[in-house]
């Protein structure tokens, strides 16, 4: 499975889970952890920790990814990550 497909899968899992913790969050977290050091996965990791309410840890992963995509909701952040996967320039509004 390609990097893009794995990242897309993680985003699908957390989107389908309604951006809440649970089995989908856990699986997406496993995917992100397996690809630590790759910017898009570190950014997904930041989103995951924002979802669980751990802003400190989310900030750590944002710094590692070189991103700061949060601020206006989890769905908007996931959309920015999808844009990042498609070669777009994701920016927080």
PDB file of N, CA and C in Angstrom:
ATOM      1  N   UNK A   1       0.858  -1.170   0.000  1.00  0.00           N
ATOM      2  CA  UNK A   1       0.000   0.000   0.000  1.00  0.00           C
ATOM      3  C   UNK A   1       0.906   1.236   0.000  1.00  0.00           C
ATOM      4  N   UNK A   2       0.584   2.194  -0.813  1.00  0.00           N
ATOM      5  CA  UNK A   2       1.387   3.417  -0.933  1.00  0.00           C
ATOM      6  C   UNK A   2       1.229   4.307   0.297  1.00  0.00           C
ATOM      7  N   UNK A   3       2.167   5.224   0.443  1.00  0.00           N
ATOM      8  CA  UNK A   3       2.105   6.197   1.542  1.00  0.00           C
ATOM      9  C   UNK A   3       0.789   6.960   1.481  1.00  0.00           C
ATOM     10  N   UNK A   4       0.421   7.406   0.281  1.00  0.00           N
ATOM     11  CA  UNK A   4      -0.820   8.170   0.128  1.00  0.00           C
ATOM     12  C   UNK A   4      -2.029   7.336   0.534  1.00  0.00           C
ATOM     13  N   UNK A   5      -2.025   6.065   0.148  1.00  0.00           N
ATOM     14  CA  UNK A   5      -3.150   5.190   0.476  1.00  0.00           C
ATOM     15  C   UNK A   5      -3.243   4.962   1.985  1.00  0.00           C
ATOM     16  N   UNK A   6      -2.094   4.795   2.642  1.00  0.00           N
ATOM     17  CA  UNK A   6      -2.103   4.602   4.093  1.00  0.00           C
ATOM     18  C   UNK A   6      -2.595   5.854   4.812  1.00  0.00           C
ATOM     19  N   UNK A   7      -2.141   7.010   4.378  1.00  0.00           N
ATOM     20  CA  UNK A   7      -2.597   8.257   4.992  1.00  0.00           C
ATOM     21  C   UNK A   7      -4.085   8.473   4.730  1.00  0.00           C
ATOM     22  N   UNK A   8      -4.520   8.180   3.525  1.00  0.00           N
ATOM     23  CA  UNK A   8      -5.941   8.309   3.185  1.00  0.00           C
ATOM     24  C   UNK A   8      -6.777   7.374   4.043  1.00  0.00           C
ATOM     25  N   UNK A   9      -6.268   6.163   4.276  1.00  0.00           N
ATOM     26  CA  UNK A   9      -6.962   5.201   5.130  1.00  0.00           C
ATOM     27  C   UNK A   9      -7.090   5.734   6.558  1.00  0.00           C
ATOM     28  N   UNK A  10      -6.026   6.293   7.096  1.00  0.00           N
ATOM     29  CA  UNK A  10      -6.079   6.858   8.446  1.00  0.00           C
ATOM     30  C   UNK A  10      -7.114   7.980   8.518  1.00  0.00           C
ATOM     31  N   UNK A  11      -7.117   8.847   7.523  1.00  0.00           N
ATOM     32  CA  UNK A  11      -8.090   9.953   7.503  1.00  0.00           C
ATOM     33  C   UNK A  11      -9.508   9.431   7.351  1.00  0.00           C
ATOM     34  N   UNK A  12      -9.701   8.390   6.543  1.00  0.00           N
ATOM     35  CA  UNK A  12     -11.031   7.779   6.382  1.00  0.00           C
ATOM     36  C   UNK A  12     -11.522   7.220   7.710  1.00  0.00           C
ATOM     37  N   UNK A  13     -10.633   6.519   8.403  1.00  0.00           N
ATOM     38  CA  UNK A  13     -11.011   5.900   9.682  1.00  0.00           C
ATOM     39  C   UNK A  13     -11.477   6.943  10.695  1.00  0.00           C
ATOM     40  N   UNK A  14     -10.730   8.026  10.822  1.00  0.00           N
ATOM     41  CA  UNK A  14     -11.122   9.014  11.829  1.00  0.00           C
ATOM     42  C   UNK A  14     -12.339   9.827  11.385  1.00  0.00           C
ATOM     43  N   UNK A  15     -12.472  10.024  10.081  1.00  0.00           N
ATOM     44  CA  UNK A  15     -13.664  10.728   9.575  1.00  0.00           C
ATOM     45  C   UNK A  15     -14.911   9.890   9.816  1.00  0.00           C
ATOM     46  N   UNK A  16     -14.833   8.603   9.472  1.00  0.00           N
ATOM     47  CA  UNK A  16     -15.985   7.716   9.658  1.00  0.00           C
ATOM     48  C   UNK A  16     -16.343   7.545  11.131  1.00  0.00           C
ATOM     49  N   UNK A  17     -15.366   7.719  12.004  1.00  0.00           N
ATOM     50  CA  UNK A  17     -15.615   7.618  13.450  1.00  0.00           C
ATOM     51  C   UNK A  17     -16.196   8.915  14.012  1.00  0.00           C
ATOM     52  N   UNK A  18     -16.419   9.885  13.137  1.00  0.00           N
ATOM     53  CA  UNK A  18     -16.990  11.150  13.587  1.00  0.00           C
ATOM     54  C   UNK A  18     -16.013  11.987  14.391  1.00  0.00           C
ATOM     55  N   UNK A  19     -14.712  11.778  14.128  1.00  0.00           N
ATOM     56  CA  UNK A  19     -13.659  12.530  14.812  1.00  0.00           C
ATOM     57  C   UNK A  19     -13.759  12.369  16.326  1.00  0.00           C
ATOM     58  N   UNK A  20     -13.967  11.115  16.743  1.00  0.00           N
ATOM     59  CA  UNK A  20     -14.007  10.762  18.156  1.00  0.00           C
ATOM     60  C   UNK A  20     -13.013   9.624  18.398  1.00  0.00           C
ATOM     61  N   UNK A  21     -12.664   9.424  19.660  1.00  0.00           N
ATOM     62  CA  UNK A  21     -11.790   8.307  19.990  1.00  0.00           C
ATOM     63  C   UNK A  21     -12.583   7.011  19.937  1.00  0.00           C
ATOM     64  N   UNK A  22     -11.865   5.923  19.771  1.00  0.00           N
ATOM     65  CA  UNK A  22     -12.482   4.606  19.673  1.00  0.00           C
ATOM     66  C   UNK A  22     -11.654   3.752  18.733  1.00  0.00           C
ATOM     67  N   UNK A  23     -12.233   2.672  18.222  1.00  0.00           N
ATOM     68  CA  UNK A  23     -11.474   1.755  17.378  1.00  0.00           C
ATOM     69  C   UNK A  23     -10.895   2.406  16.117  1.00  0.00           C
ATOM     70  N   UNK A  24     -11.643   3.274  15.461  1.00  0.00           N
ATOM     71  CA  UNK A  24     -11.131   3.952  14.261  1.00  0.00           C
ATOM     72  C   UNK A  24      -9.969   4.863  14.604  1.00  0.00           C
ATOM     73  N   UNK A  25     -10.106   5.598  15.713  1.00  0.00           N
ATOM     74  CA  UNK A  25      -9.020   6.464  16.182  1.00  0.00           C
ATOM     75  C   UNK A  25      -7.787   5.621  16.487  1.00  0.00           C
ATOM     76  N   UNK A  26      -8.001   4.489  17.192  1.00  0.00           N
ATOM     77  CA  UNK A  26      -6.878   3.621  17.558  1.00  0.00           C
ATOM     78  C   UNK A  26      -6.134   3.120  16.324  1.00  0.00           C
ATOM     79  N   UNK A  27      -6.872   2.685  15.318  1.00  0.00           N
ATOM     80  CA  UNK A  27      -6.229   2.168  14.102  1.00  0.00           C
ATOM     81  C   UNK A  27      -5.502   3.294  13.369  1.00  0.00           C
ATOM     82  N   UNK A  28      -6.106   4.467  13.268  1.00  0.00           N
ATOM     83  CA  UNK A  28      -5.450   5.607  12.610  1.00  0.00           C
ATOM     84  C   UNK A  28      -4.180   5.984  13.371  1.00  0.00           C
ATOM     85  N   UNK A  29      -4.227   5.907  14.692  1.00  0.00           N
ATOM     86  CA  UNK A  29      -3.062   6.213  15.521  1.00  0.00           C
ATOM     87  C   UNK A  29      -1.941   5.206  15.249  1.00  0.00           C
ATOM     88  N   UNK A  30      -2.287   3.941  15.115  1.00  0.00           N
ATOM     89  CA  UNK A  30      -1.287   2.919  14.787  1.00  0.00           C
ATOM     90  C   UNK A  30      -0.623   3.222  13.446  1.00  0.00           C
ATOM     91  N   UNK A  31      -1.417   3.619  12.476  1.00  0.00           N
ATOM     92  CA  UNK A  31      -0.880   3.954  11.152  1.00  0.00           C
ATOM     93  C   UNK A  31       0.077   5.135  11.263  1.00  0.00           C
ATOM     94  N   UNK A  32      -0.347   6.182  11.974  1.00  0.00           N
ATOM     95  CA  UNK A  32       0.505   7.369  12.124  1.00  0.00           C
ATOM     96  C   UNK A  32       1.804   7.014  12.834  1.00  0.00           C
ATOM     97  N   UNK A  33       1.715   6.227  13.889  1.00  0.00           N
ATOM     98  CA  UNK A  33       2.916   5.840  14.631  1.00  0.00           C
ATOM     99  C   UNK A  33       3.872   5.015  13.781  1.00  0.00           C
ATOM    100  N   UNK A  34       3.332   4.185  12.903  1.00  0.00           N
ATOM    101  CA  UNK A  34       4.178   3.338  12.058  1.00  0.00           C
ATOM    102  C   UNK A  34       4.978   4.150  11.047  1.00  0.00           C
ATOM    103  N   UNK A  35       4.564   5.403  10.826  1.00  0.00           N
ATOM    104  CA  UNK A  35       5.217   6.260   9.832  1.00  0.00           C
ATOM    105  C   UNK A  35       5.768   7.537  10.462  1.00  0.00           C
ATOM    106  N   UNK A  36       6.129   7.439  11.738  1.00  0.00           N
ATOM    107  CA  UNK A  36       6.687   8.595  12.440  1.00  0.00           C
ATOM    108  C   UNK A  36       7.883   9.149  11.669  1.00  0.00           C
ATOM    109  N   UNK A  37       7.923  10.473  11.554  1.00  0.00           N
ATOM    110  CA  UNK A  37       9.004  11.134  10.827  1.00  0.00           C
ATOM    111  C   UNK A  37       8.626  11.520   9.412  1.00  0.00           C
ATOM    112  N   UNK A  38       7.477  11.025   8.922  1.00  0.00           N
ATOM    113  CA  UNK A  38       6.962  11.421   7.614  1.00  0.00           C
ATOM    114  C   UNK A  38       5.924  12.516   7.869  1.00  0.00           C
ATOM    115  N   UNK A  39       6.136  13.671   7.263  1.00  0.00           N
ATOM    116  CA  UNK A  39       5.366  14.870   7.604  1.00  0.00           C
ATOM    117  C   UNK A  39       3.856  14.653   7.614  1.00  0.00           C
ATOM    118  N   UNK A  40       3.305  14.026   6.596  1.00  0.00           N
ATOM    119  CA  UNK A  40       1.854  13.895   6.553  1.00  0.00           C
ATOM    120  C   UNK A  40       1.346  13.033   7.701  1.00  0.00           C
ATOM    121  N   UNK A  41       2.089  11.995   8.070  1.00  0.00           N
ATOM    122  CA  UNK A  41       1.667  11.143   9.178  1.00  0.00           C
ATOM    123  C   UNK A  41       1.852  11.855  10.518  1.00  0.00           C
ATOM    124  N   UNK A  42       2.884  12.658  10.628  1.00  0.00           N
ATOM    125  CA  UNK A  42       3.050  13.444  11.855  1.00  0.00           C
ATOM    126  C   UNK A  42       1.922  14.464  11.981  1.00  0.00           C
ATOM    127  N   UNK A  43       1.470  15.024  10.867  1.00  0.00           N
ATOM    128  CA  UNK A  43       0.341  15.958  10.891  1.00  0.00           C
ATOM    129  C   UNK A  43      -0.958  15.227  11.247  1.00  0.00           C
ATOM    130  N   UNK A  44      -1.130  14.015  10.735  1.00  0.00           N
ATOM    131  CA  UNK A  44      -2.294  13.199  11.122  1.00  0.00           C
ATOM    132  C   UNK A  44      -2.220  12.891  12.613  1.00  0.00           C
ATOM    133  N   UNK A  45      -1.039  12.600  13.088  1.00  0.00           N
ATOM    134  CA  UNK A  45      -0.831  12.326  14.512  1.00  0.00           C
ATOM    135  C   UNK A  45      -1.268  13.539  15.345  1.00  0.00           C
ATOM    136  N   UNK A  46      -0.939  14.746  14.872  1.00  0.00           N
ATOM    137  CA  UNK A  46      -1.368  15.965  15.568  1.00  0.00           C
ATOM    138  C   UNK A  46      -2.892  16.038  15.630  1.00  0.00           C
ATOM    139  N   UNK A  47      -3.546  15.777  14.507  1.00  0.00           N
ATOM    140  CA  UNK A  47      -5.017  15.786  14.476  1.00  0.00           C
ATOM    141  C   UNK A  47      -5.566  14.776  15.478  1.00  0.00           C
ATOM    142  N   UNK A  48      -5.012  13.588  15.498  1.00  0.00           N
ATOM    143  CA  UNK A  48      -5.495  12.552  16.414  1.00  0.00           C
ATOM    144  C   UNK A  48      -5.417  13.015  17.877  1.00  0.00           C
ATOM    145  N   UNK A  49      -4.328  13.665  18.229  1.00  0.00           N
ATOM    146  CA  UNK A  49      -4.205  14.112  19.615  1.00  0.00           C
ATOM    147  C   UNK A  49      -5.092  15.319  19.907  1.00  0.00           C
ATOM    148  N   UNK A  50      -5.392  16.125  18.897  1.00  0.00           N
ATOM    149  CA  UNK A  50      -6.376  17.201  19.095  1.00  0.00           C
ATOM    150  C   UNK A  50      -7.744  16.584  19.373  1.00  0.00           C
ATOM    151  N   UNK A  51      -8.066  15.520  18.622  1.00  0.00           N
ATOM    152  CA  UNK A  51      -9.355  14.852  18.816  1.00  0.00           C
ATOM    153  C   UNK A  51      -9.491  14.346  20.250  1.00  0.00           C
ATOM    154  N   UNK A  52      -8.422  13.791  20.811  1.00  0.00           N
ATOM    155  CA  UNK A  52      -8.522  13.262  22.175  1.00  0.00           C
ATOM    156  C   UNK A  52      -8.368  14.347  23.237  1.00  0.00           C
ATOM    157  N   UNK A  53      -8.130  15.593  22.792  1.00  0.00           N
ATOM    158  CA  UNK A  53      -8.048  16.700  23.727  1.00  0.00           C
ATOM    159  C   UNK A  53      -6.660  16.957  24.286  1.00  0.00           C
ATOM    160  N   UNK A  54      -5.653  16.332  23.726  1.00  0.00           N
ATOM    161  CA  UNK A  54      -4.274  16.486  24.194  1.00  0.00           C
ATOM    162  C   UNK A  54      -3.569  17.531  23.329  1.00  0.00           C
ATOM    163  N   UNK A  55      -3.804  18.796  23.638  1.00  0.00           N
ATOM    164  CA  UNK A  55      -3.270  19.893  22.830  1.00  0.00           C
ATOM    165  C   UNK A  55      -1.741  19.961  22.895  1.00  0.00           C
ATOM    166  N   UNK A  56      -1.152  19.622  24.049  1.00  0.00           N
ATOM    167  CA  UNK A  56       0.299  19.646  24.176  1.00  0.00           C
ATOM    168  C   UNK A  56       0.934  18.657  23.201  1.00  0.00           C
ATOM    169  N   UNK A  57       0.445  17.429  23.202  1.00  0.00           N
ATOM    170  CA  UNK A  57       0.976  16.401  22.311  1.00  0.00           C
ATOM    171  C   UNK A  57       0.695  16.752  20.849  1.00  0.00           C
ATOM    172  N   UNK A  58      -0.476  17.313  20.574  1.00  0.00           N
ATOM    173  CA  UNK A  58      -0.793  17.743  19.213  1.00  0.00           C
ATOM    174  C   UNK A  58       0.218  18.782  18.742  1.00  0.00           C
ATOM    175  N   UNK A  59       0.568  19.715  19.607  1.00  0.00           N
ATOM    176  CA  UNK A  59       1.561  20.732  19.263  1.00  0.00           C
ATOM    177  C   UNK A  59       2.908  20.129  18.943  1.00  0.00           C
ATOM    178  N   UNK A  60       3.289  19.109  19.701  1.00  0.00           N
ATOM    179  CA  UNK A  60       4.553  18.413  19.437  1.00  0.00           C
ATOM    180  C   UNK A  60       4.558  17.839  18.019  1.00  0.00           C
ATOM    181  N   UNK A  61       3.467  17.165  17.650  1.00  0.00           N
ATOM    182  CA  UNK A  61       3.401  16.551  16.320  1.00  0.00           C
ATOM    183  C   UNK A  61       3.300  17.603  15.222  1.00  0.00           C
ATOM    184  N   UNK A  62       2.619  18.713  15.490  1.00  0.00           N
ATOM    185  CA  UNK A  62       2.605  19.817  14.518  1.00  0.00           C
ATOM    186  C   UNK A  62       4.024  20.317  14.258  1.00  0.00           C
ATOM    187  N   UNK A  63       4.787  20.492  15.319  1.00  0.00           N
ATOM    188  CA  UNK A  63       6.169  20.967  15.147  1.00  0.00           C
ATOM    189  C   UNK A  63       6.993  19.966  14.348  1.00  0.00           C
ATOM    190  N   UNK A  64       6.835  18.680  14.635  1.00  0.00           N
ATOM    191  CA  UNK A  64       7.569  17.656  13.887  1.00  0.00           C
ATOM    192  C   UNK A  64       7.172  17.670  12.409  1.00  0.00           C
ATOM    193  N   UNK A  65       5.885  17.893  12.136  1.00  0.00           N
ATOM    194  CA  UNK A  65       5.392  17.874  10.757  1.00  0.00           C
ATOM    195  C   UNK A  65       5.671  19.179  10.030  1.00  0.00           C
ATOM    196  N   UNK A  66       5.925  20.257  10.795  1.00  0.00           N
ATOM    197  CA  UNK A  66       6.082  21.562  10.171  1.00  0.00           C
ATOM    198  C   UNK A  66       4.754  22.137   9.721  1.00  0.00           C
ATOM    199  N   UNK A  67       3.692  21.736  10.407  1.00  0.00           N
ATOM    200  CA  UNK A  67       2.343  22.188  10.056  1.00  0.00           C
ATOM    201  C   UNK A  67       1.641  22.727  11.294  1.00  0.00           C
ATOM    202  N   UNK A  68       0.561  23.435  11.057  1.00  0.00           N
ATOM    203  CA  UNK A  68      -0.350  23.861  12.106  1.00  0.00           C
ATOM    204  C   UNK A  68      -1.701  24.017  11.430  1.00  0.00           C
ATOM    205  N   UNK A  69      -2.369  22.886  11.264  1.00  0.00           N
ATOM    206  CA  UNK A  69      -3.582  22.861  10.448  1.00  0.00           C
ATOM    207  C   UNK A  69      -4.861  22.944  11.266  1.00  0.00           C
ATOM    208  N   UNK A  70      -4.748  22.918  12.576  1.00  0.00           N
ATOM    209  CA  UNK A  70      -5.932  22.957  13.425  1.00  0.00           C
ATOM    210  C   UNK A  70      -6.468  24.372  13.555  1.00  0.00           C
ATOM    211  N   UNK A  71      -7.545  24.475  14.295  1.00  0.00           N
ATOM    212  CA  UNK A  71      -8.068  25.798  14.592  1.00  0.00           C
ATOM    213  C   UNK A  71      -9.510  26.003  14.221  1.00  0.00           C
ATOM    214  N   UNK A  72      -9.986  25.303  13.214  1.00  0.00           N
ATOM    215  CA  UNK A  72     -11.395  25.515  12.851  1.00  0.00           C
ATOM    216  C   UNK A  72     -12.140  24.204  12.636  1.00  0.00           C
ATOM    217  N   UNK A  73     -11.787  23.232  13.432  1.00  0.00           N
ATOM    218  CA  UNK A  73     -12.530  21.978  13.434  1.00  0.00           C
ATOM    219  C   UNK A  73     -11.772  20.817  12.819  1.00  0.00           C
ATOM    220  N   UNK A  74     -12.124  19.641  13.301  1.00  0.00           N
ATOM    221  CA  UNK A  74     -11.434  18.433  12.877  1.00  0.00           C
ATOM    222  C   UNK A  74     -11.671  18.105  11.404  1.00  0.00           C
ATOM    223  N   UNK A  75     -12.902  18.298  10.924  1.00  0.00           N
ATOM    224  CA  UNK A  75     -13.199  17.983   9.522  1.00  0.00           C
ATOM    225  C   UNK A  75     -12.405  18.890   8.586  1.00  0.00           C
ATOM    226  N   UNK A  76     -12.303  20.173   8.938  1.00  0.00           N
ATOM    227  CA  UNK A  76     -11.528  21.106   8.107  1.00  0.00           C
ATOM    228  C   UNK A  76     -10.050  20.725   8.121  1.00  0.00           C
ATOM    229  N   UNK A  77      -9.560  20.292   9.273  1.00  0.00           N
ATOM    230  CA  UNK A  77      -8.169  19.867   9.361  1.00  0.00           C
ATOM    231  C   UNK A  77      -7.932  18.628   8.503  1.00  0.00           C
ATOM    232  N   UNK A  78      -8.860  17.679   8.545  1.00  0.00           N
ATOM    233  CA  UNK A  78      -8.740  16.480   7.710  1.00  0.00           C
ATOM    234  C   UNK A  78      -8.757  16.855   6.226  1.00  0.00           C
ATOM    235  N   UNK A  79      -9.586  17.822   5.849  1.00  0.00           N
ATOM    236  CA  UNK A  79      -9.618  18.286   4.453  1.00  0.00           C
ATOM    237  C   UNK A  79      -8.268  18.876   4.056  1.00  0.00           C
ATOM    238  N   UNK A  80      -7.649  19.618   4.959  1.00  0.00           N
ATOM    239  CA  UNK A  80      -6.329  20.184   4.667  1.00  0.00           C
ATOM    240  C   UNK A  80      -5.285  19.079   4.489  1.00  0.00           C
ATOM    241  N   UNK A  81      -5.395  18.048   5.294  1.00  0.00           N
ATOM    242  CA  UNK A  81      -4.466  16.927   5.170  1.00  0.00           C
ATOM    243  C   UNK A  81      -4.665  16.202   3.841  1.00  0.00           C
ATOM    244  N   UNK A  82      -5.916  16.069   3.415  1.00  0.00           N
ATOM    245  CA  UNK A  82      -6.179  15.463   2.104  1.00  0.00           C
ATOM    246  C   UNK A  82      -5.572  16.327   1.000  1.00  0.00           C
ATOM    247  N   UNK A  83      -5.668  17.640   1.132  1.00  0.00           N
ATOM    248  CA  UNK A  83      -5.054  18.550   0.161  1.00  0.00           C
ATOM    249  C   UNK A  83      -3.538  18.372   0.163  1.00  0.00           C
ATOM    250  N   UNK A  84      -2.966  18.201   1.341  1.00  0.00           N
ATOM    251  CA  UNK A  84      -1.532  17.974   1.467  1.00  0.00           C
ATOM    252  C   UNK A  84      -1.134  16.703   0.708  1.00  0.00           C
ATOM    253  N   UNK A  85      -1.938  15.668   0.821  1.00  0.00           N
ATOM    254  CA  UNK A  85      -1.672  14.410   0.116  1.00  0.00           C
ATOM    255  C   UNK A  85      -1.749  14.567  -1.389  1.00  0.00           C
ATOM    256  N   UNK A  86      -2.581  15.493  -1.831  1.00  0.00           N
ATOM    257  CA  UNK A  86      -2.774  15.723  -3.261  1.00  0.00           C
ATOM    258  C   UNK A  86      -1.855  16.800  -3.815  1.00  0.00           C
ATOM    259  N   UNK A  87      -0.842  17.157  -3.034  1.00  0.00           N
ATOM    260  CA  UNK A  87       0.135  18.134  -3.511  1.00  0.00           C
ATOM    261  C   UNK A  87      -0.284  19.560  -3.337  1.00  0.00           C
ATOM    262  N   UNK A  88      -1.385  19.790  -2.643  1.00  0.00           N
ATOM    263  CA  UNK A  88      -1.844  21.150  -2.414  1.00  0.00           C
ATOM    264  C   UNK A  88      -1.057  21.809  -1.292  1.00  0.00           C
ATOM    265  N   UNK A  89      -1.346  23.064  -1.071  1.00  0.00           N
ATOM    266  CA  UNK A  89      -0.700  23.820  -0.012  1.00  0.00           C
ATOM    267  C   UNK A  89      -1.715  24.009   1.118  1.00  0.00           C
ATOM    268  N   UNK A  90      -1.730  23.098   2.082  1.00  0.00           N
ATOM    269  CA  UNK A  90      -2.725  23.219   3.148  1.00  0.00           C
ATOM    270  C   UNK A  90      -2.368  24.350   4.097  1.00  0.00           C
ATOM    271  N   UNK A  91      -3.316  25.236   4.311  1.00  0.00           N
ATOM    272  CA  UNK A  91      -3.094  26.307   5.263  1.00  0.00           C
ATOM    273  C   UNK A  91      -4.304  26.432   6.149  1.00  0.00           C
ATOM    274  N   UNK A  92      -4.071  26.731   7.379  1.00  0.00           N
ATOM    275  CA  UNK A  92      -5.184  26.951   8.314  1.00  0.00           C
ATOM    276  C   UNK A  92      -5.775  28.317   8.034  1.00  0.00           C
ATOM    277  N   UNK A  93      -7.070  28.430   8.217  1.00  0.00           N
ATOM    278  CA  UNK A  93      -7.748  29.704   8.011  1.00  0.00           C
ATOM    279  C   UNK A  93      -7.990  30.388   9.318  1.00  0.00           C
TER     280      UNK A  93
END
